[in-house]
Amino acid sequence: MTTGRKTSAALKGRFSVAKVRRQLSVGQSVRIARELNELSQNELAARAGIAQSTISAIETDRVKLGAERAKTLARALHVHPAVLLFPGWRTGDESAA
């Protein structure tokens, strides 16, 4: 009995990296993560212990996120801090040196 699904071996090499359609700012990545968690700015502020006005300022890129604040928001949003801090970073873009 076949299910019509191809095995991963049969699919290997058939996929390509998705094109970047739009560059996101740090603030946009925070807003998107918040909306995916179905949280208002007030709810995120309460979870993270950060003022709602600061959440708003981060989302509109008026305030820099910073590593410590990114960790706090990442915990509240259940994402890795890098998702918030480096929304457009790709491994092939920069060298390690």
N, C-alpha and C. Protein backbone atom coordinates (compact mmCIF):
# COMPACT_ATOMS: atom_id res chain seq x y z
N MET A 1 0.84 -1.18 0.00
CA MET A 1 0.00 0.00 0.00
C MET A 1 0.88 1.24 0.00
N THR A 2 0.70 2.11 -0.93
CA THR A 2 1.47 3.34 -0.98
C THR A 2 0.59 4.51 -0.60
N THR A 3 1.20 5.46 0.06
CA THR A 3 0.44 6.62 0.52
C THR A 3 0.55 7.79 -0.44
N GLY A 4 1.39 7.67 -1.42
CA GLY A 4 1.58 8.77 -2.35
C GLY A 4 2.61 9.78 -1.88
N ARG A 5 3.14 9.58 -0.69
CA ARG A 5 4.16 10.49 -0.17
C ARG A 5 5.54 10.02 -0.61
N LYS A 6 6.37 10.97 -0.95
CA LYS A 6 7.74 10.63 -1.33
C LYS A 6 8.60 10.57 -0.09
N THR A 7 9.55 9.69 -0.11
CA THR A 7 10.47 9.59 1.03
C THR A 7 11.43 10.77 1.01
N SER A 8 12.05 11.01 2.16
CA SER A 8 12.99 12.13 2.23
C SER A 8 14.16 11.93 1.27
N ALA A 9 14.55 10.69 1.01
CA ALA A 9 15.64 10.42 0.07
C ALA A 9 15.21 10.83 -1.34
N ALA A 10 13.96 10.59 -1.69
CA ALA A 10 13.46 10.95 -3.01
C ALA A 10 13.34 12.46 -3.17
N LEU A 11 13.11 13.17 -2.06
CA LEU A 11 12.94 14.61 -2.11
C LEU A 11 14.26 15.37 -2.00
N LYS A 12 15.31 14.67 -1.59
CA LYS A 12 16.61 15.32 -1.38
C LYS A 12 17.05 16.03 -2.65
N GLY A 13 17.44 17.27 -2.50
CA GLY A 13 17.92 18.05 -3.63
C GLY A 13 16.81 18.72 -4.43
N ARG A 14 15.58 18.52 -4.05
CA ARG A 14 14.47 19.11 -4.79
C ARG A 14 13.99 20.43 -4.21
N PHE A 15 14.54 20.80 -3.06
CA PHE A 15 14.12 22.04 -2.41
C PHE A 15 15.24 23.06 -2.50
N SER A 16 14.86 24.32 -2.53
CA SER A 16 15.85 25.39 -2.54
C SER A 16 15.50 26.38 -1.42
N VAL A 17 16.46 27.20 -1.08
CA VAL A 17 16.27 28.20 -0.05
C VAL A 17 15.24 29.21 -0.55
N ALA A 18 14.31 29.58 0.33
CA ALA A 18 13.28 30.55 -0.04
C ALA A 18 13.92 31.91 -0.29
N LYS A 19 13.36 32.65 -1.21
CA LYS A 19 13.84 33.99 -1.50
C LYS A 19 13.44 34.92 -0.37
N VAL A 20 14.32 35.87 -0.06
CA VAL A 20 13.99 36.87 0.93
C VAL A 20 13.08 37.88 0.25
N ARG A 21 11.88 37.98 0.73
CA ARG A 21 10.90 38.88 0.11
C ARG A 21 10.97 40.28 0.69
N ARG A 22 11.26 40.35 1.99
CA ARG A 22 11.26 41.64 2.66
C ARG A 22 12.19 41.59 3.85
N GLN A 23 13.02 42.58 4.00
CA GLN A 23 13.90 42.64 5.16
C GLN A 23 13.09 43.14 6.35
N LEU A 24 13.23 42.47 7.46
CA LEU A 24 12.53 42.88 8.68
C LEU A 24 13.47 43.65 9.58
N SER A 25 12.93 44.62 10.27
CA SER A 25 13.70 45.31 11.31
C SER A 25 13.56 44.50 12.60
N VAL A 26 14.36 44.84 13.58
CA VAL A 26 14.28 44.18 14.88
C VAL A 26 12.89 44.41 15.47
N GLY A 27 12.40 45.63 15.38
CA GLY A 27 11.08 45.94 15.91
C GLY A 27 9.98 45.13 15.25
N GLN A 28 10.09 44.96 13.93
CA GLN A 28 9.09 44.16 13.22
C GLN A 28 9.14 42.70 13.66
N SER A 29 10.34 42.18 13.91
CA SER A 29 10.44 40.79 14.35
C SER A 29 9.80 40.60 15.73
N VAL A 30 9.95 41.59 16.61
CA VAL A 30 9.30 41.52 17.92
C VAL A 30 7.78 41.56 17.75
N ARG A 31 7.29 42.46 16.92
CA ARG A 31 5.85 42.57 16.71
C ARG A 31 5.27 41.29 16.13
N ILE A 32 5.95 40.71 15.15
CA ILE A 32 5.47 39.48 14.53
C ILE A 32 5.44 38.34 15.54
N ALA A 33 6.51 38.20 16.32
CA ALA A 33 6.54 37.14 17.35
C ALA A 33 5.43 37.35 18.37
N ARG A 34 5.19 38.61 18.74
CA ARG A 34 4.11 38.90 19.69
C ARG A 34 2.75 38.53 19.10
N GLU A 35 2.52 38.91 17.85
CA GLU A 35 1.25 38.61 17.21
C GLU A 35 1.06 37.11 16.99
N LEU A 36 2.12 36.40 16.67
CA LEU A 36 2.02 34.94 16.52
C LEU A 36 1.66 34.26 17.84
N ASN A 37 2.05 34.88 18.95
CA ASN A 37 1.68 34.38 20.27
C ASN A 37 0.33 34.92 20.72
N GLU A 38 -0.32 35.67 19.85
CA GLU A 38 -1.64 36.25 20.11
C GLU A 38 -1.67 37.07 21.39
N LEU A 39 -0.64 37.92 21.55
CA LEU A 39 -0.52 38.77 22.72
C LEU A 39 -0.66 40.23 22.32
N SER A 40 -1.28 41.01 23.17
CA SER A 40 -1.28 42.46 22.98
C SER A 40 0.04 42.99 23.55
N GLN A 41 0.33 44.24 23.28
CA GLN A 41 1.52 44.84 23.88
C GLN A 41 1.41 44.83 25.40
N ASN A 42 0.23 45.08 25.92
CA ASN A 42 0.03 45.06 27.38
C ASN A 42 0.28 43.68 27.96
N GLU A 43 -0.20 42.64 27.28
CA GLU A 43 0.01 41.27 27.76
C GLU A 43 1.48 40.89 27.74
N LEU A 44 2.18 41.26 26.65
CA LEU A 44 3.61 40.98 26.57
C LEU A 44 4.36 41.75 27.65
N ALA A 45 3.99 42.99 27.86
CA ALA A 45 4.63 43.80 28.89
C ALA A 45 4.50 43.14 30.26
N ALA A 46 3.31 42.63 30.56
CA ALA A 46 3.08 41.97 31.84
C ALA A 46 3.90 40.70 31.97
N ARG A 47 3.96 39.92 30.91
CA ARG A 47 4.73 38.66 30.94
C ARG A 47 6.22 38.92 31.09
N ALA A 48 6.71 39.97 30.40
CA ALA A 48 8.15 40.22 30.36
C ALA A 48 8.62 41.16 31.47
N GLY A 49 7.70 41.85 32.11
CA GLY A 49 8.11 42.81 33.13
C GLY A 49 8.74 44.05 32.53
N ILE A 50 8.30 44.40 31.33
CA ILE A 50 8.80 45.58 30.62
C ILE A 50 7.60 46.48 30.36
N ALA A 51 7.77 47.78 30.50
CA ALA A 51 6.66 48.71 30.30
C ALA A 51 6.10 48.60 28.88
N GLN A 52 4.79 48.74 28.77
CA GLN A 52 4.13 48.68 27.45
C GLN A 52 4.68 49.77 26.53
N SER A 53 4.98 50.93 27.07
CA SER A 53 5.53 52.01 26.24
C SER A 53 6.89 51.62 25.66
N THR A 54 7.65 50.83 26.41
CA THR A 54 8.95 50.35 25.91
C THR A 54 8.74 49.32 24.81
N ILE A 55 7.76 48.43 24.98
CA ILE A 55 7.43 47.45 23.93
C ILE A 55 7.07 48.19 22.65
N SER A 56 6.23 49.21 22.78
CA SER A 56 5.82 50.01 21.62
C SER A 56 7.03 50.67 20.96
N ALA A 57 7.91 51.25 21.77
CA ALA A 57 9.10 51.91 21.23
C ALA A 57 10.04 50.93 20.54
N ILE A 58 10.14 49.71 21.06
CA ILE A 58 10.97 48.67 20.42
C ILE A 58 10.36 48.29 19.08
N GLU A 59 9.05 48.06 19.06
CA GLU A 59 8.37 47.63 17.83
C GLU A 59 8.41 48.69 16.74
N THR A 60 8.53 49.94 17.11
CA THR A 60 8.62 51.01 16.10
C THR A 60 10.07 51.45 15.88
N ASP A 61 11.01 50.67 16.41
CA ASP A 61 12.45 50.90 16.24
C ASP A 61 12.91 52.26 16.77
N ARG A 62 12.22 52.79 17.79
CA ARG A 62 12.64 54.03 18.43
C ARG A 62 13.60 53.75 19.57
N VAL A 63 13.58 52.51 20.08
CA VAL A 63 14.47 52.08 21.16
C VAL A 63 15.16 50.80 20.69
N LYS A 64 16.48 50.74 20.87
CA LYS A 64 17.21 49.52 20.50
C LYS A 64 16.87 48.41 21.48
N LEU A 65 16.81 47.20 20.96
CA LEU A 65 16.40 46.06 21.76
C LEU A 65 17.46 45.68 22.80
N GLY A 66 18.68 45.47 22.39
CA GLY A 66 19.74 45.08 23.32
C GLY A 66 19.64 43.61 23.72
N ALA A 67 20.76 43.04 24.07
CA ALA A 67 20.84 41.60 24.35
C ALA A 67 20.02 41.19 25.57
N GLU A 68 20.13 41.92 26.66
CA GLU A 68 19.41 41.53 27.88
C GLU A 68 17.90 41.64 27.70
N ARG A 69 17.45 42.72 27.08
CA ARG A 69 16.02 42.87 26.84
C ARG A 69 15.53 41.83 25.84
N ALA A 70 16.39 41.48 24.87
CA ALA A 70 16.02 40.44 23.90
C ALA A 70 15.82 39.10 24.59
N LYS A 71 16.68 38.78 25.55
CA LYS A 71 16.53 37.52 26.30
C LYS A 71 15.22 37.51 27.08
N THR A 72 14.90 38.63 27.71
CA THR A 72 13.67 38.72 28.49
C THR A 72 12.44 38.55 27.59
N LEU A 73 12.43 39.27 26.46
CA LEU A 73 11.30 39.16 25.54
C LEU A 73 11.23 37.78 24.90
N ALA A 74 12.38 37.20 24.59
CA ALA A 74 12.42 35.88 23.97
C ALA A 74 11.79 34.83 24.88
N ARG A 75 12.08 34.91 26.17
CA ARG A 75 11.46 33.98 27.13
C ARG A 75 9.94 34.12 27.11
N ALA A 76 9.47 35.36 27.12
CA ALA A 76 8.03 35.61 27.15
C ALA A 76 7.36 35.19 25.83
N LEU A 77 8.12 35.26 24.73
CA LEU A 77 7.56 34.93 23.41
C LEU A 77 7.87 33.50 22.96
N HIS A 78 8.63 32.78 23.76
CA HIS A 78 8.99 31.38 23.45
C HIS A 78 9.76 31.26 22.13
N VAL A 79 10.74 32.15 21.95
CA VAL A 79 11.62 32.10 20.78
C VAL A 79 13.06 32.28 21.25
N HIS A 80 14.00 31.99 20.38
CA HIS A 80 15.41 32.22 20.69
C HIS A 80 15.68 33.72 20.54
N PRO A 81 16.51 34.31 21.40
CA PRO A 81 16.80 35.75 21.29
C PRO A 81 17.32 36.17 19.92
N ALA A 82 18.02 35.28 19.23
CA ALA A 82 18.55 35.61 17.91
C ALA A 82 17.43 35.89 16.91
N VAL A 83 16.29 35.26 17.09
CA VAL A 83 15.14 35.50 16.20
C VAL A 83 14.75 36.97 16.28
N LEU A 84 14.85 37.55 17.46
CA LEU A 84 14.48 38.95 17.64
C LEU A 84 15.60 39.90 17.26
N LEU A 85 16.82 39.56 17.63
CA LEU A 85 17.96 40.46 17.40
C LEU A 85 18.47 40.48 15.97
N PHE A 86 18.38 39.34 15.28
CA PHE A 86 18.97 39.23 13.94
C PHE A 86 17.95 38.68 12.95
N PRO A 87 16.85 39.40 12.69
CA PRO A 87 15.80 38.85 11.85
C PRO A 87 16.22 38.57 10.41
N GLY A 88 17.19 39.28 9.89
CA GLY A 88 17.57 39.10 8.49
C GLY A 88 18.88 38.38 8.29
N TRP A 89 19.48 37.87 9.35
CA TRP A 89 20.80 37.27 9.25
C TRP A 89 20.72 35.90 8.61
N ARG A 90 21.66 35.67 7.67
CA ARG A 90 21.76 34.37 7.01
C ARG A 90 23.20 33.92 7.12
N THR A 91 23.40 32.61 7.28
CA THR A 91 24.74 32.08 7.50
C THR A 91 25.69 32.36 6.35
N GLY A 92 25.22 32.44 5.14
CA GLY A 92 26.11 32.66 3.99
C GLY A 92 26.48 34.11 3.77
N ASP A 93 25.88 35.02 4.53
CA ASP A 93 26.12 36.44 4.31
C ASP A 93 27.44 36.97 4.87
N GLU A 94 27.94 36.35 5.92
CA GLU A 94 29.14 36.87 6.58
C GLU A 94 30.12 35.75 6.86
N SER A 95 31.40 36.11 6.91
CA SER A 95 32.40 35.11 7.24
C SER A 95 32.57 35.07 8.75
N ALA A 96 33.17 34.02 9.24
CA ALA A 96 33.40 33.86 10.67
C ALA A 96 34.56 34.72 11.16
N ALA A 97 35.41 35.15 10.29
CA ALA A 97 36.59 35.92 10.70
C ALA A 97 36.35 37.40 10.70
